[in-house]
PDB file of all heavy atoms in Angstrom:
ATOM      1  N   GLN A   1     -10.139   9.333   2.554  1.00  0.00           N
ATOM      2  CA  GLN A   1     -11.331   9.698   3.313  1.00  0.00           C
ATOM      3  C   GLN A   1     -11.532   8.753   4.497  1.00  0.00           C
ATOM      4  O   GLN A   1     -10.562   8.242   5.056  1.00  0.00           O
ATOM      5  CB  GLN A   1     -12.541   9.680   2.365  1.00  0.00           C
ATOM      6  CG  GLN A   1     -12.481  10.722   1.262  1.00  0.00           C
ATOM      7  CD  GLN A   1     -12.960  12.097   1.726  1.00  0.00           C
ATOM      8  OE1 GLN A   1     -13.556  12.252   2.781  1.00  0.00           O
ATOM      9  NE2 GLN A   1     -12.685  13.113   0.919  1.00  0.00           N
ATOM     10  N   VAL A   2     -12.792   8.500   4.835  1.00  0.00           N
ATOM     11  CA  VAL A   2     -13.105   7.669   6.000  1.00  0.00           C
ATOM     12  C   VAL A   2     -13.125   6.191   5.612  1.00  0.00           C
ATOM     13  O   VAL A   2     -13.553   5.821   4.516  1.00  0.00           O
ATOM     14  CB  VAL A   2     -14.459   8.087   6.621  1.00  0.00           C
ATOM     15  CG1 VAL A   2     -15.614   7.899   5.647  1.00  0.00           C
ATOM     16  CG2 VAL A   2     -14.742   7.318   7.922  1.00  0.00           C
ATOM     17  N   THR A   3     -12.616   5.354   6.512  1.00  0.00           N
ATOM     18  CA  THR A   3     -12.738   3.913   6.318  1.00  0.00           C
ATOM     19  C   THR A   3     -12.928   3.237   7.667  1.00  0.00           C
ATOM     20  O   THR A   3     -12.860   3.877   8.718  1.00  0.00           O
ATOM     21  CB  THR A   3     -11.549   3.321   5.543  1.00  0.00           C
ATOM     22  OG1 THR A   3     -11.905   2.005   5.099  1.00  0.00           O
ATOM     23  CG2 THR A   3     -10.290   3.240   6.401  1.00  0.00           C
ATOM     24  N   TYR A   4     -13.146   1.934   7.619  1.00  0.00           N
ATOM     25  CA  TYR A   4     -13.331   1.139   8.833  1.00  0.00           C
ATOM     26  C   TYR A   4     -12.289   0.034   8.875  1.00  0.00           C
ATOM     27  O   TYR A   4     -11.969  -0.575   7.846  1.00  0.00           O
ATOM     28  CB  TYR A   4     -14.738   0.523   8.845  1.00  0.00           C
ATOM     29  CG  TYR A   4     -14.921  -0.522   9.939  1.00  0.00           C
ATOM     30  CD1 TYR A   4     -15.053  -0.141  11.279  1.00  0.00           C
ATOM     31  CD2 TYR A   4     -14.937  -1.885   9.636  1.00  0.00           C
ATOM     32  CE1 TYR A   4     -15.193  -1.094  12.280  1.00  0.00           C
ATOM     33  CE2 TYR A   4     -15.089  -2.836  10.633  1.00  0.00           C
ATOM     34  CZ  TYR A   4     -15.211  -2.437  11.947  1.00  0.00           C
ATOM     35  OH  TYR A   4     -15.339  -3.374  12.947  1.00  0.00           O
ATOM     36  N   HIS A   5     -11.745  -0.208  10.058  1.00  0.00           N
ATOM     37  CA  HIS A   5     -10.876  -1.365  10.286  1.00  0.00           C
ATOM     38  C   HIS A   5     -11.488  -2.206  11.402  1.00  0.00           C
ATOM     39  O   HIS A   5     -12.020  -1.658  12.378  1.00  0.00           O
ATOM     40  CB  HIS A   5      -9.470  -0.941  10.722  1.00  0.00           C
ATOM     41  CG  HIS A   5      -8.730  -0.116   9.714  1.00  0.00           C
ATOM     42  ND1 HIS A   5      -8.482  -0.554   8.427  1.00  0.00           N
ATOM     43  CD2 HIS A   5      -8.166   1.112   9.805  1.00  0.00           C
ATOM     44  CE1 HIS A   5      -7.808   0.376   7.776  1.00  0.00           C
ATOM     45  NE2 HIS A   5      -7.604   1.395   8.580  1.00  0.00           N
ATOM     46  N   GLY A   6     -11.362  -3.522  11.266  1.00  0.00           N
ATOM     47  CA  GLY A   6     -11.861  -4.401  12.311  1.00  0.00           C
ATOM     48  C   GLY A   6     -11.237  -5.777  12.200  1.00  0.00           C
ATOM     49  O   GLY A   6     -10.581  -6.100  11.197  1.00  0.00           O
ATOM     50  N   PRO A   7     -11.412  -6.617  13.215  1.00  0.00           N
ATOM     51  CA  PRO A   7     -10.850  -7.970  13.192  1.00  0.00           C
ATOM     52  C   PRO A   7     -11.310  -8.745  11.953  1.00  0.00           C
ATOM     53  O   PRO A   7     -12.467  -8.634  11.542  1.00  0.00           O
ATOM     54  CB  PRO A   7     -11.411  -8.604  14.472  1.00  0.00           C
ATOM     55  CG  PRO A   7     -11.707  -7.443  15.367  1.00  0.00           C
ATOM     56  CD  PRO A   7     -12.146  -6.331  14.459  1.00  0.00           C
ATOM     57  N   GLY A   8     -10.381  -9.487  11.363  1.00  0.00           N
ATOM     58  CA  GLY A   8     -10.696 -10.251  10.158  1.00  0.00           C
ATOM     59  C   GLY A   8     -10.386  -9.513   8.874  1.00  0.00           C
ATOM     60  O   GLY A   8     -10.518 -10.058   7.782  1.00  0.00           O
ATOM     61  N   GLN A   9      -9.937  -8.249   9.012  1.00  0.00           N
ATOM     62  CA  GLN A   9      -9.482  -7.474   7.855  1.00  0.00           C
ATOM     63  C   GLN A   9      -7.951  -7.473   7.888  1.00  0.00           C
ATOM     64  O   GLN A   9      -7.348  -7.166   8.925  1.00  0.00           O
ATOM     65  CB  GLN A   9      -9.994  -6.038   7.929  1.00  0.00           C
ATOM     66  CG  GLN A   9      -9.563  -5.155   6.761  1.00  0.00           C
ATOM     67  CD  GLN A   9      -9.903  -3.692   7.035  1.00  0.00           C
ATOM     68  OE1 GLN A   9      -9.383  -3.094   7.977  1.00  0.00           O
ATOM     69  NE2 GLN A   9     -10.784  -3.124   6.219  1.00  0.00           N
ATOM     70  N   LEU A  10      -7.337  -7.827   6.775  1.00  0.00           N
ATOM     71  CA  LEU A  10      -5.879  -7.804   6.675  1.00  0.00           C
ATOM     72  C   LEU A  10      -5.404  -6.380   6.419  1.00  0.00           C
ATOM     73  O   LEU A  10      -5.855  -5.741   5.464  1.00  0.00           O
ATOM     74  CB  LEU A  10      -5.418  -8.720   5.535  1.00  0.00           C
ATOM     75  CG  LEU A  10      -3.927  -8.667   5.188  1.00  0.00           C
ATOM     76  CD1 LEU A  10      -3.064  -9.176   6.340  1.00  0.00           C
ATOM     77  CD2 LEU A  10      -3.643  -9.446   3.908  1.00  0.00           C
ATOM     78  N   VAL A  11      -4.516  -5.900   7.273  1.00  0.00           N
ATOM     79  CA  VAL A  11      -3.910  -4.580   7.076  1.00  0.00           C
ATOM     80  C   VAL A  11      -2.405  -4.786   6.898  1.00  0.00           C
ATOM     81  O   VAL A  11      -1.779  -5.510   7.680  1.00  0.00           O
ATOM     82  CB  VAL A  11      -4.202  -3.647   8.268  1.00  0.00           C
ATOM     83  CG1 VAL A  11      -3.513  -2.301   8.088  1.00  0.00           C
ATOM     84  CG2 VAL A  11      -5.710  -3.455   8.444  1.00  0.00           C
ATOM     85  N   ILE A  12      -1.861  -4.194   5.857  1.00  0.00           N
ATOM     86  CA  ILE A  12      -0.420  -4.278   5.592  1.00  0.00           C
ATOM     87  C   ILE A  12       0.127  -2.863   5.488  1.00  0.00           C
ATOM     88  O   ILE A  12      -0.323  -2.076   4.654  1.00  0.00           O
ATOM     89  CB  ILE A  12      -0.129  -5.078   4.311  1.00  0.00           C
ATOM     90  CG1 ILE A  12      -0.544  -6.541   4.512  1.00  0.00           C
ATOM     91  CG2 ILE A  12       1.350  -4.980   3.936  1.00  0.00           C
ATOM     92  CD1 ILE A  12      -0.341  -7.427   3.301  1.00  0.00           C
ATOM     93  N   TYR A  13       1.066  -2.555   6.372  1.00  0.00           N
ATOM     94  CA  TYR A  13       1.694  -1.239   6.377  1.00  0.00           C
ATOM     95  C   TYR A  13       3.081  -1.334   5.738  1.00  0.00           C
ATOM     96  O   TYR A  13       3.888  -2.192   6.108  1.00  0.00           O
ATOM     97  CB  TYR A  13       1.802  -0.700   7.803  1.00  0.00           C
ATOM     98  CG  TYR A  13       0.469  -0.356   8.415  1.00  0.00           C
ATOM     99  CD1 TYR A  13       0.122  -0.786   9.690  1.00  0.00           C
ATOM    100  CD2 TYR A  13      -0.462   0.407   7.711  1.00  0.00           C
ATOM    101  CE1 TYR A  13      -1.109  -0.463  10.256  1.00  0.00           C
ATOM    102  CE2 TYR A  13      -1.695   0.730   8.266  1.00  0.00           C
ATOM    103  CZ  TYR A  13      -2.009   0.295   9.546  1.00  0.00           C
ATOM    104  OH  TYR A  13      -3.230   0.617  10.092  1.00  0.00           O
ATOM    105  N   THR A  14       3.328  -0.439   4.788  1.00  0.00           N
ATOM    106  CA  THR A  14       4.586  -0.460   4.040  1.00  0.00           C
ATOM    107  C   THR A  14       5.450   0.722   4.477  1.00  0.00           C
ATOM    108  O   THR A  14       5.163   1.864   4.131  1.00  0.00           O
ATOM    109  CB  THR A  14       4.311  -0.395   2.522  1.00  0.00           C
ATOM    110  OG1 THR A  14       3.371   0.661   2.254  1.00  0.00           O
ATOM    111  CG2 THR A  14       3.710  -1.710   2.033  1.00  0.00           C
ATOM    112  N   LEU A  15       6.484   0.429   5.251  1.00  0.00           N
ATOM    113  CA  LEU A  15       7.401   1.460   5.754  1.00  0.00           C
ATOM    114  C   LEU A  15       8.661   1.411   4.890  1.00  0.00           C
ATOM    115  O   LEU A  15       9.609   0.677   5.172  1.00  0.00           O
ATOM    116  CB  LEU A  15       7.700   1.207   7.234  1.00  0.00           C
ATOM    117  CG  LEU A  15       6.476   1.401   8.143  1.00  0.00           C
ATOM    118  CD1 LEU A  15       5.743   0.088   8.364  1.00  0.00           C
ATOM    119  CD2 LEU A  15       6.860   1.993   9.483  1.00  0.00           C
ATOM    120  N   LEU A  16       8.613   2.189   3.812  1.00  0.00           N
ATOM    121  CA  LEU A  16       9.606   2.080   2.749  1.00  0.00           C
ATOM    122  C   LEU A  16      10.288   3.413   2.481  1.00  0.00           C
ATOM    123  O   LEU A  16       9.641   4.469   2.522  1.00  0.00           O
ATOM    124  CB  LEU A  16       8.938   1.612   1.451  1.00  0.00           C
ATOM    125  CG  LEU A  16       8.063   0.356   1.512  1.00  0.00           C
ATOM    126  CD1 LEU A  16       7.350   0.156   0.181  1.00  0.00           C
ATOM    127  CD2 LEU A  16       8.899  -0.866   1.883  1.00  0.00           C
ATOM    128  N   ASP A  17      11.578   3.363   2.180  1.00  0.00           N
ATOM    129  CA  ASP A  17      12.308   4.534   1.722  1.00  0.00           C
ATOM    130  C   ASP A  17      12.104   4.615   0.210  1.00  0.00           C
ATOM    131  O   ASP A  17      12.815   3.971  -0.556  1.00  0.00           O
ATOM    132  CB  ASP A  17      13.798   4.385   2.079  1.00  0.00           C
ATOM    133  CG  ASP A  17      14.613   5.620   1.732  1.00  0.00           C
ATOM    134  OD1 ASP A  17      14.237   6.343   0.784  1.00  0.00           O
ATOM    135  OD2 ASP A  17      15.638   5.854   2.398  1.00  0.00           O
ATOM    136  N   ILE A  18      11.102   5.382  -0.213  1.00  0.00           N
ATOM    137  CA  ILE A  18      10.739   5.360  -1.628  1.00  0.00           C
ATOM    138  C   ILE A  18      11.776   6.082  -2.498  1.00  0.00           C
ATOM    139  O   ILE A  18      11.914   5.782  -3.677  1.00  0.00           O
ATOM    140  CB  ILE A  18       9.312   5.917  -1.892  1.00  0.00           C
ATOM    141  CG1 ILE A  18       9.183   7.383  -1.490  1.00  0.00           C
ATOM    142  CG2 ILE A  18       8.264   5.059  -1.193  1.00  0.00           C
ATOM    143  CD1 ILE A  18       7.875   8.019  -1.956  1.00  0.00           C
ATOM    144  N   LYS A  19      12.512   7.010  -1.897  1.00  0.00           N
ATOM    145  CA  LYS A  19      13.589   7.665  -2.657  1.00  0.00           C
ATOM    146  C   LYS A  19      14.691   6.647  -2.974  1.00  0.00           C
ATOM    147  O   LYS A  19      15.178   6.573  -4.105  1.00  0.00           O
ATOM    148  CB  LYS A  19      14.151   8.849  -1.865  1.00  0.00           C
ATOM    149  CG  LYS A  19      15.164   9.666  -2.648  1.00  0.00           C
ATOM    150  CD  LYS A  19      15.641  10.868  -1.843  1.00  0.00           C
ATOM    151  CE  LYS A  19      16.624  11.707  -2.650  1.00  0.00           C
ATOM    152  NZ  LYS A  19      17.111  12.861  -1.856  1.00  0.00           N
ATOM    153  N   ARG A  20      15.058   5.859  -1.976  1.00  0.00           N
ATOM    154  CA  ARG A  20      16.092   4.835  -2.166  1.00  0.00           C
ATOM    155  C   ARG A  20      15.633   3.770  -3.164  1.00  0.00           C
ATOM    156  O   ARG A  20      16.409   3.251  -3.959  1.00  0.00           O
ATOM    157  CB  ARG A  20      16.423   4.205  -0.804  1.00  0.00           C
ATOM    158  CG  ARG A  20      17.569   3.208  -0.822  1.00  0.00           C
ATOM    159  CD  ARG A  20      17.971   2.835   0.598  1.00  0.00           C
ATOM    160  NE  ARG A  20      16.912   2.134   1.305  1.00  0.00           N
ATOM    161  CZ  ARG A  20      16.878   1.975   2.636  1.00  0.00           C
ATOM    162  NH1 ARG A  20      17.836   2.485   3.386  1.00  0.00           N
ATOM    163  NH2 ARG A  20      15.896   1.312   3.219  1.00  0.00           N
ATOM    164  N   LEU A  21      14.335   3.451  -3.114  1.00  0.00           N
ATOM    165  CA  LEU A  21      13.766   2.445  -4.020  1.00  0.00           C
ATOM    166  C   LEU A  21      13.510   3.009  -5.426  1.00  0.00           C
ATOM    167  O   LEU A  21      13.182   2.245  -6.338  1.00  0.00           O
ATOM    168  CB  LEU A  21      12.449   1.904  -3.444  1.00  0.00           C
ATOM    169  CG  LEU A  21      12.568   1.037  -2.198  1.00  0.00           C
ATOM    170  CD1 LEU A  21      11.197   0.835  -1.558  1.00  0.00           C
ATOM    171  CD2 LEU A  21      13.222  -0.298  -2.505  1.00  0.00           C
ATOM    172  N   LYS A  22      13.582   4.355  -5.517  1.00  0.00           N
ATOM    173  CA  LYS A  22      13.330   5.036  -6.796  1.00  0.00           C
ATOM    174  C   LYS A  22      11.917   4.771  -7.323  1.00  0.00           C
ATOM    175  O   LYS A  22      11.704   4.476  -8.500  1.00  0.00           O
ATOM    176  CB  LYS A  22      14.373   4.639  -7.853  1.00  0.00           C
ATOM    177  CG  LYS A  22      15.802   5.022  -7.486  1.00  0.00           C
ATOM    178  CD  LYS A  22      16.786   4.652  -8.589  1.00  0.00           C
ATOM    179  CE  LYS A  22      18.182   5.172  -8.308  1.00  0.00           C
ATOM    180  NZ  LYS A  22      18.797   4.632  -7.077  1.00  0.00           N
ATOM    181  N   ILE A  23      10.943   4.854  -6.407  1.00  0.00           N
ATOM    182  CA  ILE A  23       9.538   4.741  -6.828  1.00  0.00           C
ATOM    183  C   ILE A  23       8.760   5.959  -6.328  1.00  0.00           C
ATOM    184  O   ILE A  23       9.050   6.489  -5.261  1.00  0.00           O
ATOM    185  CB  ILE A  23       8.864   3.434  -6.334  1.00  0.00           C
ATOM    186  CG1 ILE A  23       8.979   3.276  -4.812  1.00  0.00           C
ATOM    187  CG2 ILE A  23       9.434   2.216  -7.028  1.00  0.00           C
ATOM    188  CD1 ILE A  23       8.259   2.059  -4.262  1.00  0.00           C
ATOM    189  N   GLY A  24       7.800   6.392  -7.134  1.00  0.00           N
ATOM    190  CA  GLY A  24       6.973   7.529  -6.764  1.00  0.00           C
ATOM    191  C   GLY A  24       5.752   7.085  -5.967  1.00  0.00           C
ATOM    192  O   GLY A  24       5.460   5.893  -5.862  1.00  0.00           O
ATOM    193  N   VAL A  25       5.027   8.064  -5.437  1.00  0.00           N
ATOM    194  CA  VAL A  25       3.854   7.760  -4.609  1.00  0.00           C
ATOM    195  C   VAL A  25       2.780   7.050  -5.433  1.00  0.00           C
ATOM    196  O   VAL A  25       2.213   6.041  -5.011  1.00  0.00           O
ATOM    197  CB  VAL A  25       3.269   9.051  -3.992  1.00  0.00           C
ATOM    198  CG1 VAL A  25       2.079   8.723  -3.108  1.00  0.00           C
ATOM    199  CG2 VAL A  25       4.326   9.775  -3.185  1.00  0.00           C
ATOM    200  N   ARG A  26       2.492   7.574  -6.622  1.00  0.00           N
ATOM    201  CA  ARG A  26       1.457   6.953  -7.467  1.00  0.00           C
ATOM    202  C   ARG A  26       1.865   5.535  -7.838  1.00  0.00           C
ATOM    203  O   ARG A  26       1.030   4.622  -7.871  1.00  0.00           O
ATOM    204  CB  ARG A  26       1.255   7.814  -8.723  1.00  0.00           C
ATOM    205  CG  ARG A  26       0.232   7.307  -9.701  1.00  0.00           C
ATOM    206  CD  ARG A  26      -1.180   7.212  -9.120  1.00  0.00           C
ATOM    207  NE  ARG A  26      -1.639   5.843  -9.079  1.00  0.00           N
ATOM    208  CZ  ARG A  26      -2.840   5.449  -8.727  1.00  0.00           C
ATOM    209  NH1 ARG A  26      -3.746   6.326  -8.339  1.00  0.00           N
ATOM    210  NH2 ARG A  26      -3.178   4.195  -8.730  1.00  0.00           N
ATOM    211  N   GLN A  27       3.152   5.345  -8.089  1.00  0.00           N
ATOM    212  CA  GLN A  27       3.655   4.008  -8.427  1.00  0.00           C
ATOM    213  C   GLN A  27       3.470   3.054  -7.249  1.00  0.00           C
ATOM    214  O   GLN A  27       3.099   1.884  -7.426  1.00  0.00           O
ATOM    215  CB  GLN A  27       5.135   4.100  -8.810  1.00  0.00           C
ATOM    216  CG  GLN A  27       5.707   2.810  -9.396  1.00  0.00           C
ATOM    217  CD  GLN A  27       7.178   2.948  -9.740  1.00  0.00           C
ATOM    218  OE1 GLN A  27       7.746   4.036  -9.665  1.00  0.00           O
ATOM    219  NE2 GLN A  27       7.802   1.846 -10.113  1.00  0.00           N
ATOM    220  N   LEU A  28       3.717   3.554  -6.032  1.00  0.00           N
ATOM    221  CA  LEU A  28       3.552   2.710  -4.845  1.00  0.00           C
ATOM    222  C   LEU A  28       2.081   2.321  -4.661  1.00  0.00           C
ATOM    223  O   LEU A  28       1.771   1.163  -4.351  1.00  0.00           O
ATOM    224  CB  LEU A  28       4.076   3.438  -3.603  1.00  0.00           C
ATOM    225  CG  LEU A  28       3.929   2.685  -2.273  1.00  0.00           C
ATOM    226  CD1 LEU A  28       4.595   1.311  -2.318  1.00  0.00           C
ATOM    227  CD2 LEU A  28       4.500   3.522  -1.124  1.00  0.00           C
ATOM    228  N   VAL A  29       1.180   3.276  -4.862  1.00  0.00           N
ATOM    229  CA  VAL A  29      -0.259   2.968  -4.777  1.00  0.00           C
ATOM    230  C   VAL A  29      -0.624   1.869  -5.773  1.00  0.00           C
ATOM    231  O   VAL A  29      -1.321   0.910  -5.440  1.00  0.00           O
ATOM    232  CB  VAL A  29      -1.113   4.237  -5.028  1.00  0.00           C
ATOM    233  CG1 VAL A  29      -2.593   3.888  -5.194  1.00  0.00           C
ATOM    234  CG2 VAL A  29      -0.939   5.231  -3.878  1.00  0.00           C
ATOM    235  N   THR A  30      -0.125   1.990  -6.995  1.00  0.00           N
ATOM    236  CA  THR A  30      -0.394   0.980  -8.027  1.00  0.00           C
ATOM    237  C   THR A  30       0.164  -0.385  -7.622  1.00  0.00           C
ATOM    238  O   THR A  30      -0.494  -1.417  -7.817  1.00  0.00           O
ATOM    239  CB  THR A  30       0.204   1.422  -9.376  1.00  0.00           C
ATOM    240  OG1 THR A  30      -0.417   2.660  -9.760  1.00  0.00           O
ATOM    241  CG2 THR A  30      -0.032   0.382 -10.463  1.00  0.00           C
ATOM    242  N   ILE A  31       1.370  -0.400  -7.044  1.00  0.00           N
ATOM    243  CA  ILE A  31       1.968  -1.661  -6.584  1.00  0.00           C
ATOM    244  C   ILE A  31       1.073  -2.338  -5.543  1.00  0.00           C
ATOM    245  O   ILE A  31       0.843  -3.554  -5.599  1.00  0.00           O
ATOM    246  CB  ILE A  31       3.389  -1.405  -6.019  1.00  0.00           C
ATOM    247  CG1 ILE A  31       4.372  -1.130  -7.160  1.00  0.00           C
ATOM    248  CG2 ILE A  31       3.869  -2.584  -5.161  1.00  0.00           C
ATOM    249  CD1 ILE A  31       5.724  -0.591  -6.702  1.00  0.00           C
ATOM    250  N   LEU A  32       0.541  -1.558  -4.605  1.00  0.00           N
ATOM    251  CA  LEU A  32      -0.320  -2.127  -3.556  1.00  0.00           C
ATOM    252  C   LEU A  32      -1.638  -2.632  -4.146  1.00  0.00           C
ATOM    253  O   LEU A  32      -2.129  -3.704  -3.761  1.00  0.00           O
ATOM    254  CB  LEU A  32      -0.587  -1.100  -2.453  1.00  0.00           C
ATOM    255  CG  LEU A  32       0.642  -0.574  -1.692  1.00  0.00           C
ATOM    256  CD1 LEU A  32       0.217   0.282  -0.506  1.00  0.00           C
ATOM    257  CD2 LEU A  32       1.544  -1.699  -1.220  1.00  0.00           C
ATOM    258  N   GLU A  33      -2.198  -1.848  -5.064  1.00  0.00           N
ATOM    259  CA  GLU A  33      -3.433  -2.294  -5.731  1.00  0.00           C
ATOM    260  C   GLU A  33      -3.191  -3.595  -6.499  1.00  0.00           C
ATOM    261  O   GLU A  33      -3.971  -4.552  -6.385  1.00  0.00           O
ATOM    262  CB  GLU A  33      -3.941  -1.207  -6.680  1.00  0.00           C
ATOM    263  CG  GLU A  33      -4.506   0.019  -5.982  1.00  0.00           C
ATOM    264  CD  GLU A  33      -4.831   1.160  -6.944  1.00  0.00           C
ATOM    265  OE1 GLU A  33      -4.248   1.220  -8.049  1.00  0.00           O
ATOM    266  OE2 GLU A  33      -5.669   1.994  -6.576  1.00  0.00           O
ATOM    267  N   GLN A  34      -2.109  -3.625  -7.274  1.00  0.00           N
ATOM    268  CA  GLN A  34      -1.827  -4.804  -8.101  1.00  0.00           C
ATOM    269  C   GLN A  34      -1.518  -6.035  -7.243  1.00  0.00           C
ATOM    270  O   GLN A  34      -1.800  -7.166  -7.652  1.00  0.00           O
ATOM    271  CB  GLN A  34      -0.670  -4.513  -9.072  1.00  0.00           C
ATOM    272  CG  GLN A  34      -1.027  -3.537 -10.180  1.00  0.00           C
ATOM    273  CD  GLN A  34      -2.205  -4.009 -11.028  1.00  0.00           C
ATOM    274  OE1 GLN A  34      -2.315  -5.166 -11.382  1.00  0.00           O
ATOM    275  NE2 GLN A  34      -3.113  -3.083 -11.347  1.00  0.00           N
ATOM    276  N   ALA A  35      -0.936  -5.825  -6.070  1.00  0.00           N
ATOM    277  CA  ALA A  35      -0.659  -6.947  -5.168  1.00  0.00           C
ATOM    278  C   ALA A  35      -1.960  -7.617  -4.728  1.00  0.00           C
ATOM    279  O   ALA A  35      -2.045  -8.856  -4.666  1.00  0.00           O
ATOM    280  CB  ALA A  35       0.131  -6.460  -3.955  1.00  0.00           C
ATOM    281  N   MET A  36      -2.983  -6.807  -4.444  1.00  0.00           N
ATOM    282  CA  MET A  36      -4.287  -7.375  -4.068  1.00  0.00           C
ATOM    283  C   MET A  36      -4.970  -8.005  -5.274  1.00  0.00           C
ATOM    284  O   MET A  36      -5.559  -9.089  -5.173  1.00  0.00           O
ATOM    285  CB  MET A  36      -5.167  -6.294  -3.422  1.00  0.00           C
ATOM    286  CG  MET A  36      -4.681  -5.866  -2.044  1.00  0.00           C
ATOM    287  SD  MET A  36      -5.838  -4.755  -1.169  1.00  0.00           S
ATOM    288  CE  MET A  36      -5.402  -3.181  -1.908  1.00  0.00           C
ATOM    289  N   ILE A  37      -4.874  -7.349  -6.431  1.00  0.00           N
ATOM    290  CA  ILE A  37      -5.507  -7.862  -7.652  1.00  0.00           C
ATOM    291  C   ILE A  37      -4.912  -9.212  -8.050  1.00  0.00           C
ATOM    292  O   ILE A  37      -5.639 -10.160  -8.368  1.00  0.00           O
ATOM    293  CB  ILE A  37      -5.383  -6.834  -8.798  1.00  0.00           C
ATOM    294  CG1 ILE A  37      -6.287  -5.621  -8.511  1.00  0.00           C
ATOM    295  CG2 ILE A  37      -5.745  -7.458 -10.149  1.00  0.00           C
ATOM    296  CD1 ILE A  37      -6.039  -4.421  -9.415  1.00  0.00           C
ATOM    297  N   SER A  38      -3.576  -9.319  -7.994  1.00  0.00           N
ATOM    298  CA  SER A  38      -2.938 -10.594  -8.381  1.00  0.00           C
ATOM    299  C   SER A  38      -3.234 -11.684  -7.370  1.00  0.00           C
ATOM    300  O   SER A  38      -3.395 -12.855  -7.734  1.00  0.00           O
ATOM    301  CB  SER A  38      -1.429 -10.400  -8.555  1.00  0.00           C
ATOM    302  OG  SER A  38      -0.808 -10.079  -7.331  1.00  0.00           O
TER     303      SER A  38
END
């Protein structure tokens, strides 16, 4: 949905070949969530 971006917010874009990595979309979302949680 809608979000806001602005200075002081860290944005990380992941440009990954998920087929080559053998990971699914839901798995990738979980990886990104867990990276912030850890």
